[in-house]
Amino acid sequence: MKKIKDRLIKSGAAVFALDSTTGKFCISLDSSVLTEDFKTRTMFKDALIELMYDNGLSPDILVGMDNAGIVFTSLMASSVGVPMAYVRSAAKDHGKKNRIEGLIQDGDRAVVFTDAIYTDKDVDGILKALESTGCTVDGILTIFSCVDNDMVIPLVTYDSLLRRAVKKKYVSQLFVDFMEDCEPAKDLDSIMAENAAEILLDIKAVALSPDKPFTFASGIISPIYCDNRLLISHYDQWMVIINYMMNIINDKIGPENFDIVCGTTTAGIPHGALLADILKKPFIWVKESVSQPIPEGSRVLIIEDLISTGKSSGAAVDAVRDAGGIVSDVISIFTYGMKKSDDIFAKKECMTYSVSNFDALISVASAKKYIKKKDIEKICEWIENPEKWGKKYGFEK
């Protein structure tokens, strides 16, 4: 089954993300990816037939559930020489108003195929849908299952797919551990922001020094310095952040809503290149200008490592637009959340999303004792008025 698992992972059919309700790590299946090309369809069809026979099943009829179920059930039925039927997700609102299409005879021994089983309620729903036909369901074949149920016969289980993904370094074990340990009461954005802040602090990508502050290129004196470039030298932690960025793309932007990924030079390039590879999208980078011509009207997602004043990130947006690209969204690893930055992006009518932020950083730094309590207020004052903070505390030359 290693080849099956690898195909699920590499094709993008297996989606590793965060549950938007609980904030927990989860795996879901986009089985439409598996129906696109002949070799993949055949690979999974043959594996499902072998699984059926290995479990001693010899059905009178195969029953497919929903669209992907219909595809693979059709292929299996043709190969093994038995009739099929299928069950719609809901009854039609016209014609005969059927939910079950095809003919299932009273007393038939049926094997059901559905692409994925996530809960025992899915099993109950299938059995209830077929209850009126008088058939006996001998088993439910599925590509992927999260449950331990005697009726379910999966090609791949949640645990086995996760182990394979971690072994192949598609998913970081650190990412999984973070999400398993998170507090369900918190919203997903807060969970990501605090976990990412802890990572940045742990790898010393963020330095907090209210008594010996730093000077930004903009001239602003700051008690915080964030060097996200260190992240790429810590593989597991980097993969956690990449997974979080993918979660933002999937939940807030939508991969279908942009055509090209663009990394800002140089710090945004590693993250942008990796995201483009995962998404199977073209990749460019931008400084004063873009690295490659952009087809007119292409929608471009910009990947930035850090947003401070918003000046450099805003310039990247302008450069891509000047080259003919359409930019609606920028994703960064960290933002200070400065008003100046908010104003710049508001004027450009461009949304920004960050994995972590100043508030999460201070919360984690305080809880983990990276800073003393007496320094928290001093640091928080900086974000309220970064231009004048240095003068107030006597650091301006």
Foldseek 3Di string as FASTA:
>chain_A
DLVLLVCQLQLVQWPWAADQQQLATDIDGPCVSQLPDDVSLVVVLVLLLVLCVVVVHDWQEEEAEADSRVSSRVVNCVVVVHYYKYAYPAFDPDDPSDRIGDADAAATEYEYEYAEAEDVVVVVVVCVRCVVRNYHYQAYEYAEYADDDPRYRYPYYRVRSVVSCCVVPVAFPVLNVLRVPDDRVDGNLLSLQLVLLVLQVVLVQKAAALPDWDADPVRFTARMHGRCLSVVVPSRSVRNLLSLVVNCQVPPPDLVNFAEEEEEPPSRVVSSVVNCSSSVHHYWYDFQAIPDQDPAAGEYEYEYAEAELLPRVLSRCVRCVVSRYHAAEYEYQEYAPAPNNVVSCVVVNHYYHYSHYDVSNLVNCVVVVVDDPVCSVLNVVCSVPRRCSCVVVVNDD
